[in-house]
Structures are given as C-alpha cells and as structure tokens.
Protein backbone atom coordinates (compact mmCIF):
# COMPACT_ATOMS: atom_id res chain seq x y z
CA MET A 1 133.10 91.64 126.57
CA PRO A 2 136.32 89.80 125.43
CA ARG A 3 139.72 91.52 125.30
CA PRO A 4 140.47 92.65 121.62
CA ALA A 5 142.64 90.04 119.73
CA SER A 6 146.36 90.51 120.43
CA TRP A 7 147.11 91.68 116.68
CA ARG A 8 144.70 94.55 117.16
CA LEU A 9 147.08 95.79 120.01
CA SER A 10 150.06 95.94 117.78
CA PRO A 11 150.71 99.60 115.77
CA THR A 12 152.06 97.59 112.83
CA ALA A 13 148.62 96.11 111.88
CA TYR A 14 147.43 99.66 110.80
CA PRO A 15 148.67 101.71 107.66
CA HIS A 16 148.06 105.05 109.33
CA THR A 17 149.26 106.56 112.64
CA GLN A 18 148.35 109.90 113.98
CA ALA A 19 149.48 111.67 117.13
CA VAL A 20 146.55 113.54 118.95
CA GLN A 21 147.43 115.84 121.76
CA THR A 22 145.36 115.10 125.14
CA ARG A 23 143.87 117.95 127.00
CA PHE A 24 143.30 118.91 130.72
CA GLN A 25 139.73 118.77 130.36
CA ASP A 26 139.95 115.11 129.05
CA LEU A 27 140.62 114.01 132.51
CA ASP A 28 138.07 112.10 135.13
CA VAL A 29 137.85 112.61 138.58
CA LEU A 30 140.61 110.29 139.15
CA GLY A 31 143.12 112.03 136.81
CA HIS A 32 142.82 109.50 133.95
CA LEU A 33 141.54 110.18 130.25
CA ASN A 34 137.69 109.77 130.60
CA ASN A 35 135.73 107.49 128.14
CA VAL A 36 134.27 110.50 126.40
CA ALA A 37 137.82 111.85 125.72
CA PHE A 38 138.75 108.45 124.12
CA ALA A 39 135.64 108.79 121.63
CA ALA A 40 137.01 112.13 120.72
CA LEU A 41 140.49 111.39 120.26
CA PHE A 42 139.52 108.45 118.02
CA GLU A 43 137.15 110.78 116.29
CA THR A 44 139.95 113.29 115.75
CA ALA A 45 142.36 110.44 114.37
CA ARG A 46 139.49 109.04 112.03
CA THR A 47 138.91 112.57 110.32
CA LYS A 48 142.67 112.88 109.90
CA PHE A 49 142.88 109.46 108.44
CA ASN A 50 139.86 110.12 105.96
CA GLN A 51 141.80 113.28 104.90
CA GLN A 52 145.26 111.43 104.18
CA ALA A 53 143.29 108.60 102.53
CA GLN A 54 141.17 111.34 100.28
CA LEU A 55 138.38 109.09 100.80
CA TRP A 56 135.58 111.81 100.47
CA GLY A 57 136.73 113.12 97.21
CA LEU A 58 136.13 109.50 95.77
CA ALA A 59 132.95 109.20 97.18
CA GLY A 60 131.08 111.90 95.16
CA LEU A 61 130.01 115.11 96.35
CA ARG A 62 126.41 114.36 96.32
CA ARG A 63 126.83 111.42 98.75
CA ARG A 64 126.96 111.17 102.62
CA ALA A 65 128.57 108.85 104.74
CA VAL A 66 127.60 108.43 108.38
CA VAL A 67 128.69 106.64 111.55
CA ALA A 68 126.34 103.94 112.13
CA GLN A 69 128.06 102.15 114.64
CA MET A 70 130.86 102.57 117.16
CA GLU A 71 132.52 100.36 119.76
CA ILE A 72 135.30 101.14 122.11
CA ASN A 73 137.09 98.41 124.03
CA TYR A 74 139.06 100.00 126.97
CA VAL A 75 142.47 98.20 127.63
CA ALA A 76 144.42 100.51 129.98
CA GLU A 77 144.10 104.01 131.72
CA GLY A 78 145.43 107.05 129.75
CA GLN A 79 147.10 109.98 131.23
CA TYR A 80 147.30 113.59 130.65
CA PRO A 81 149.51 115.52 129.24
CA ALA A 82 151.25 112.85 126.92
CA ASP A 83 149.96 112.60 123.51
CA VAL A 84 148.36 109.29 122.33
CA GLU A 85 149.25 107.68 119.05
CA ILE A 86 146.26 106.11 117.17
CA ALA A 87 146.72 103.67 114.41
CA THR A 88 143.94 103.34 111.78
CA GLY A 89 142.85 101.27 109.01
CA ILE A 90 140.06 99.71 107.14
CA GLY A 91 138.54 96.39 108.23
CA GLU A 92 135.75 94.89 106.55
CA ILE A 93 134.29 96.45 103.10
CA GLY A 94 130.64 95.77 102.22
CA GLY A 95 128.17 96.97 99.69
CA ARG A 96 127.31 100.15 101.24
CA SER A 97 129.68 100.30 104.36
CA TRP A 98 133.00 99.70 105.52
CA GLN A 99 134.74 99.40 109.15
CA ILE A 100 137.48 101.76 110.06
CA LEU A 101 139.44 99.93 112.91
CA ALA A 102 141.66 101.95 115.08
CA ALA A 103 144.08 101.33 118.32
CA MET A 104 145.25 103.90 120.61
CA PHE A 105 148.79 103.86 122.32
CA GLN A 106 150.46 105.93 124.71
CA ASP A 107 154.28 105.76 125.55
CA GLY A 108 154.07 102.34 123.27
CA LYS A 109 151.37 100.69 125.59
CA PRO A 110 147.93 100.11 124.13
CA LEU A 111 145.00 101.87 125.73
CA ALA A 112 141.95 100.89 123.63
CA THR A 113 140.69 99.85 120.32
CA CYS A 114 137.78 101.48 118.27
CA ASP A 115 135.60 100.00 115.64
CA VAL A 116 133.49 102.12 113.62
CA VAL A 117 130.87 101.09 110.78
CA ILE A 118 130.41 103.89 108.12
CA VAL A 119 127.52 103.71 105.78
CA MET A 120 127.26 105.42 102.60
CA ASP A 121 123.71 106.66 101.35
CA LYS A 122 122.50 105.54 98.03
CA ASP A 123 123.64 107.36 94.82
CA GLU A 124 121.14 108.45 92.13
CA ASP A 125 121.16 104.85 90.79
CA GLY A 126 120.35 103.20 94.13
CA GLY A 127 123.84 101.75 94.16
CA GLY A 128 126.35 101.03 96.93
CA LEU A 129 130.04 101.55 97.14
CA SER A 130 131.70 102.23 93.65
CA ASP A 131 134.47 99.81 92.86
CA ALA A 132 136.91 102.62 92.55
CA PHE A 133 135.90 103.60 96.10
CA LYS A 134 136.16 99.84 97.39
CA ALA A 135 139.66 99.66 95.66
CA GLU A 136 140.83 102.93 97.32
CA LEU A 137 139.46 101.31 100.61
CA ALA A 138 141.50 98.25 100.03
CA LYS A 139 144.68 100.16 99.97
CA TRP A 140 144.16 100.94 103.71
CA LEU A 141 143.40 97.35 104.86
CA VAL A 142 144.55 96.55 108.37
CA THR A 143 146.81 93.28 108.43
CA ASN A 144 147.31 90.75 111.23
CA PRO A 145 151.26 90.89 111.80
CA LEU A 146 150.94 88.20 114.11
CA PRO A 147 151.33 84.21 113.19
CA PRO A 148 147.98 82.34 114.15
CA ALA A 149 148.08 80.60 117.70
CA GLY A 150 150.15 77.41 117.71
CA GLU A 151 152.02 78.29 114.66
CA GLY A 152 155.92 78.06 115.09
CA GLN A 153 155.44 76.24 118.39
CA PRO A 154 157.40 73.03 118.88
C-alpha cells in the first residue's frame, strides 16, 4: 500500500481538529499505541466532528447512516501518555454516501490517516442525500494546501 499523499499529512488540509486523550490500555506489548487503539481514536474524533458539524440533525430523524468502509494507513508509531490531534474533514460526496477523511498527529508528527465511507439509507421516497445535506457536507471539505508536484520549481 502506498504512503498517503503528502498533503494528507498536513493538518492545514482539514477544517476540524480534535484533541483525543490516549490511554494506557491503548498500548501494545512494545509500548506503542496499537492498531485497535488507532481505530478507536479515529472513531472518537469522527463522532466529535459529526457533532460539531451538526450533520445528523440535517439528515432527518428517520434515516440511518452506517460505516461501509474504513481504511487506516499507519505512518509512524504513537506513544502514551501524549494526546493525539486528529484533523478531520469531508472527502468525496456521492448520491447516498460521503467520505470522512482524517489524519492523526502527535507532537506535530503524522501518525496515520483514516478514510471512512458513510452510507445513508434511502428516505421514504427512495432518494439519496438531500441537496441541503450535500451543501452542509461541502462546508467541511478537505483541501490540498500543497502546490502540485513540479509547480514553483525552476
């Protein structure tokens, strides 16, 4: 699996940042944050992001959204007891689904990225995401803050 694009490892690419406390139980036998802990830390930040973005209220109370896919790319080892900062934003927006992209940092160093696909069930009319919901998601899009490769080079 290739390393994440360099812009994904920049906290400025994401519109939301959340500090998440690590726990002693997150350690593996080598004294590093284990892979299950990474998933749980990303989940905590994702739920905080959803709350701040107020996404669930816009989706309608009779609808459900579920995680359909999650991919974590590990870049470096994490340590306890230092907190992690998790930067989060929206990636692609589809007809019934959207991506939540995140990157984890500790002491300014990137540790991992996480890409999650969320799928919304159909509404009473069988439709997908409303235009209002898509517009709200679009307010939280990630951005590539780095110039394309070769640009600005002599």
